[in-house]
Structures are given as structure tokens and as C-alpha cells.
Amino acid sequence: MILPSGLVVPDIVVADAGATAQDAVSIDADAVQLVVELVSPGNKTMDRKLKPLLYAEAAIPHYWRLEFDPAPRLICSELDGGRYVETVTALPGAVTRLTEPFAFEIDPAGVAQLGG
């Protein structure tokens, strides 16, 4: 994904339809609605501190972070005043329903970390 500050590689990107029609390898940040980072021990600082700053600077409306330690949970944040504000935390053992940026439901108990 191409941000004003340079190239960043998120784990998951949700973008506007047709955003990759010209280039299937990279995407401009202005077409991105959501980025999701899967946090592992080797990238905690990048995913929790640096990447959210870069995504906020690029005005990406939604940032989700999937944490695995001590148990799987999804932290959902929305851009507000140039920074991300946590709006929902989906905890294991309960289905959480989201409506933004699209309808989605998840129980993080069923999510497993691969690799690491």
C-alpha cells in the first residue's frame, strides 16, 4: 500500500471496488477503507505504535488489530481528529457484530495464529 510516507505492507487491506484495476501489486491509500494488522511477537511495536500513526496520517478511516496474546481479540478503531480511537473490542467466547466499514461478525475464540 502506498502512503504519503512511503510503502507499507499491512496484513489485510479492504479497499474500494476497482482500486487494483490498474495495479494488482500496490494500492493508493486514498482507496483504502480498512487495514488489519495481525500482531505477533516480532512485530508488536510496528503494529501497535508505528503503523497506526502512518495509517492515520494517510487518513485511512478504519484500523483493526488482531491480538493473539494472551487470547485472541480484535481491537477496532476509527479515525477521529487525525488519530485512531478504539470503538469496539471483540473478545473470545462472544460474537461481536460490527457495521462499519461493512457488516461483519466475529468470535475471536475461533481465530488461530499461524506462523509467528
C-alpha atoms as a PDB file:
ATOM      1  CA  MET A   1       0.000   0.000   0.000  1.00  0.00           C
ATOM      2  CA  ILE A   2       1.355   3.396  -0.943  1.00  0.00           C
ATOM      3  CA  LEU A   3       1.103   6.025   1.809  1.00  0.00           C
ATOM      4  CA  PRO A   4       2.312   9.633   1.698  1.00  0.00           C
ATOM      5  CA  SER A   5       5.242   8.485   3.864  1.00  0.00           C
ATOM      6  CA  GLY A   6       6.116   5.564   1.594  1.00  0.00           C
ATOM      7  CA  LEU A   7       5.308   1.907   1.036  1.00  0.00           C
ATOM      8  CA  VAL A   8       3.760  -0.120   3.885  1.00  0.00           C
ATOM      9  CA  VAL A   9       2.629  -3.747   3.812  1.00  0.00           C
ATOM     10  CA  PRO A  10      -0.436  -4.379   6.006  1.00  0.00           C
ATOM     11  CA  ASP A  11      -1.640  -7.930   6.673  1.00  0.00           C
ATOM     12  CA  ILE A  12      -5.152  -7.269   5.289  1.00  0.00           C
ATOM     13  CA  VAL A  13      -6.495  -4.355   3.231  1.00  0.00           C
ATOM     14  CA  VAL A  14     -10.119  -3.585   2.376  1.00  0.00           C
ATOM     15  CA  ALA A  15     -10.339  -1.089  -0.473  1.00  0.00           C
ATOM     16  CA  ASP A  16     -12.840   0.475  -2.832  1.00  0.00           C
ATOM     17  CA  ALA A  17     -14.034  -1.719  -5.708  1.00  0.00           C
ATOM     18  CA  GLY A  18     -11.747  -1.363  -8.696  1.00  0.00           C
ATOM     19  CA  ALA A  19      -8.862   0.070  -6.660  1.00  0.00           C
ATOM     20  CA  THR A  20      -6.481  -2.578  -8.006  1.00  0.00           C
ATOM     21  CA  ALA A  21      -7.713  -2.476 -11.609  1.00  0.00           C
ATOM     22  CA  GLN A  22      -4.617  -0.635 -12.819  1.00  0.00           C
ATOM     23  CA  ASP A  23      -2.042  -2.218 -10.489  1.00  0.00           C
ATOM     24  CA  ALA A  24      -2.707  -5.505  -8.690  1.00  0.00           C
ATOM     25  CA  VAL A  25       0.503  -5.184  -6.632  1.00  0.00           C
ATOM     26  CA  SER A  26       0.096  -1.827  -4.870  1.00  0.00           C
ATOM     27  CA  ILE A  27      -2.811   0.380  -3.912  1.00  0.00           C
ATOM     28  CA  ASP A  28      -3.057   4.074  -3.084  1.00  0.00           C
ATOM     29  CA  ALA A  29      -4.074   4.839   0.489  1.00  0.00           C
ATOM     30  CA  ASP A  30      -6.954   7.059  -0.615  1.00  0.00           C
ATOM     31  CA  ALA A  31      -8.806   3.939  -1.865  1.00  0.00           C
ATOM     32  CA  VAL A  32      -8.326   2.026   1.410  1.00  0.00           C
ATOM     33  CA  GLN A  33     -11.210   1.849   3.880  1.00  0.00           C
ATOM     34  CA  LEU A  34      -9.694  -0.567   6.418  1.00  0.00           C
ATOM     35  CA  VAL A  35      -6.331  -2.050   7.336  1.00  0.00           C
ATOM     36  CA  VAL A  36      -5.948  -5.038   9.641  1.00  0.00           C
ATOM     37  CA  GLU A  37      -2.729  -5.996  11.372  1.00  0.00           C
ATOM     38  CA  LEU A  38      -2.183  -9.461  12.882  1.00  0.00           C
ATOM     39  CA  VAL A  39       0.094  -8.871  15.854  1.00  0.00           C
ATOM     40  CA  SER A  40       2.838 -11.394  16.522  1.00  0.00           C
ATOM     41  CA  PRO A  41       5.810 -11.168  18.918  1.00  0.00           C
ATOM     42  CA  GLY A  42       8.150  -9.978  16.175  1.00  0.00           C
ATOM     43  CA  ASN A  43       6.007  -7.044  15.026  1.00  0.00           C
ATOM     44  CA  LYS A  44       4.234  -5.771  18.168  1.00  0.00           C
ATOM     45  CA  THR A  45       5.800  -2.311  18.187  1.00  0.00           C
ATOM     46  CA  MET A  46       5.227  -1.739  14.472  1.00  0.00           C
ATOM     47  CA  ASP A  47       1.570  -2.861  14.590  1.00  0.00           C
ATOM     48  CA  ARG A  48       0.639  -1.118  17.840  1.00  0.00           C
ATOM     49  CA  LYS A  49       2.576   2.146  17.547  1.00  0.00           C
ATOM     50  CA  LEU A  50       4.182   2.977  14.195  1.00  0.00           C
ATOM     51  CA  LYS A  51       1.723   1.644  11.622  1.00  0.00           C
ATOM     52  CA  PRO A  52      -1.355   3.280  13.215  1.00  0.00           C
ATOM     53  CA  LEU A  53       0.429   6.645  13.025  1.00  0.00           C
ATOM     54  CA  LEU A  54       1.221   6.116   9.344  1.00  0.00           C
ATOM     55  CA  TYR A  55      -2.321   4.946   8.546  1.00  0.00           C
ATOM     56  CA  ALA A  56      -3.837   7.907  10.404  1.00  0.00           C
ATOM     57  CA  GLU A  57      -1.532  10.286   8.531  1.00  0.00           C
ATOM     58  CA  ALA A  58      -2.859   8.751   5.295  1.00  0.00           C
ATOM     59  CA  ALA A  59      -6.476   9.261   6.539  1.00  0.00           C
ATOM     60  CA  ILE A  60      -7.464   5.584   6.365  1.00  0.00           C
ATOM     61  CA  PRO A  61     -10.858   5.525   8.121  1.00  0.00           C
ATOM     62  CA  HIS A  62     -10.585   2.183   9.966  1.00  0.00           C
ATOM     63  CA  TYR A  63      -7.724   0.310  11.644  1.00  0.00           C
ATOM     64  CA  TRP A  64      -8.222  -3.115  13.232  1.00  0.00           C
ATOM     65  CA  ARG A  65      -5.621  -5.000  15.227  1.00  0.00           C
ATOM     66  CA  LEU A  66      -5.938  -8.729  15.862  1.00  0.00           C
ATOM     67  CA  GLU A  67      -4.061  -9.642  19.042  1.00  0.00           C
ATOM     68  CA  PHE A  68      -3.286 -13.248  19.988  1.00  0.00           C
ATOM     69  CA  ASP A  69      -1.652 -12.962  23.420  1.00  0.00           C
ATOM     70  CA  PRO A  70      -2.920 -13.836  25.979  1.00  0.00           C
ATOM     71  CA  ALA A  71      -6.061 -14.775  23.967  1.00  0.00           C
ATOM     72  CA  PRO A  72      -7.362 -13.794  20.525  1.00  0.00           C
ATOM     73  CA  ARG A  73      -9.163 -10.439  20.437  1.00  0.00           C
ATOM     74  CA  LEU A  74      -9.943  -7.899  17.745  1.00  0.00           C
ATOM     75  CA  ILE A  75      -9.487  -4.218  18.572  1.00  0.00           C
ATOM     76  CA  CYS A  76     -11.395  -1.980  16.144  1.00  0.00           C
ATOM     77  CA  SER A  77     -10.540   1.695  15.795  1.00  0.00           C
ATOM     78  CA  GLU A  78     -11.888   4.573  13.731  1.00  0.00           C
ATOM     79  CA  LEU A  79     -10.112   7.710  12.645  1.00  0.00           C
ATOM     80  CA  ASP A  80     -11.220  10.718  14.686  1.00  0.00           C
ATOM     81  CA  GLY A  81      -9.465  14.064  14.534  1.00  0.00           C
ATOM     82  CA  GLY A  82      -6.370  12.615  12.888  1.00  0.00           C
ATOM     83  CA  ARG A  83      -5.890   9.725  15.325  1.00  0.00           C
ATOM     84  CA  TYR A  84      -7.450   6.334  15.924  1.00  0.00           C
ATOM     85  CA  VAL A  85      -9.966   5.870  18.703  1.00  0.00           C
ATOM     86  CA  GLU A  86     -10.869   2.350  19.832  1.00  0.00           C
ATOM     87  CA  THR A  87     -14.560   1.749  19.228  1.00  0.00           C
ATOM     88  CA  VAL A  88     -15.033  -1.990  19.801  1.00  0.00           C
ATOM     89  CA  THR A  89     -13.021  -4.836  21.284  1.00  0.00           C
ATOM     90  CA  ALA A  90     -14.223  -8.285  20.249  1.00  0.00           C
ATOM     91  CA  LEU A  91     -13.384 -10.799  22.966  1.00  0.00           C
ATOM     92  CA  PRO A  92     -13.213 -14.598  22.673  1.00  0.00           C
ATOM     93  CA  GLY A  93     -16.324 -16.541  23.577  1.00  0.00           C
ATOM     94  CA  ALA A  94     -18.839 -13.970  22.324  1.00  0.00           C
ATOM     95  CA  VAL A  95     -19.948 -12.991  18.836  1.00  0.00           C
ATOM     96  CA  THR A  96     -19.320  -9.308  18.149  1.00  0.00           C
ATOM     97  CA  ARG A  97     -21.274  -7.661  15.336  1.00  0.00           C
ATOM     98  CA  LEU A  98     -19.818  -4.682  13.513  1.00  0.00           C
ATOM     99  CA  THR A  99     -21.466  -2.424  10.953  1.00  0.00           C
ATOM    100  CA  GLU A 100     -18.542  -0.222   9.889  1.00  0.00           C
ATOM    101  CA  PRO A 101     -16.896  -0.195   7.414  1.00  0.00           C
ATOM    102  CA  PHE A 102     -19.093  -3.198   6.453  1.00  0.00           C
ATOM    103  CA  ALA A 103     -21.327  -5.728   8.211  1.00  0.00           C
ATOM    104  CA  PHE A 104     -19.127  -8.305   9.913  1.00  0.00           C
ATOM    105  CA  GLU A 105     -19.344 -10.651  12.890  1.00  0.00           C
ATOM    106  CA  ILE A 106     -16.585 -12.485  14.703  1.00  0.00           C
ATOM    107  CA  ASP A 107     -15.872 -14.595  17.738  1.00  0.00           C
ATOM    108  CA  PRO A 108     -12.080 -14.338  18.147  1.00  0.00           C
ATOM    109  CA  ALA A 109     -12.042 -17.677  20.001  1.00  0.00           C
ATOM    110  CA  GLY A 110     -12.067 -19.342  16.579  1.00  0.00           C
ATOM    111  CA  VAL A 111      -9.023 -17.414  15.319  1.00  0.00           C
ATOM    112  CA  ALA A 112      -5.635 -19.068  15.467  1.00  0.00           C
ATOM    113  CA  GLN A 113      -2.233 -17.551  14.818  1.00  0.00           C
ATOM    114  CA  LEU A 114      -0.226 -19.277  12.107  1.00  0.00           C
ATOM    115  CA  GLY A 115       3.493 -18.948  11.839  1.00  0.00           C
ATOM    116  CA  GLY A 116       4.553 -16.220  14.126  1.00  0.00           C
END
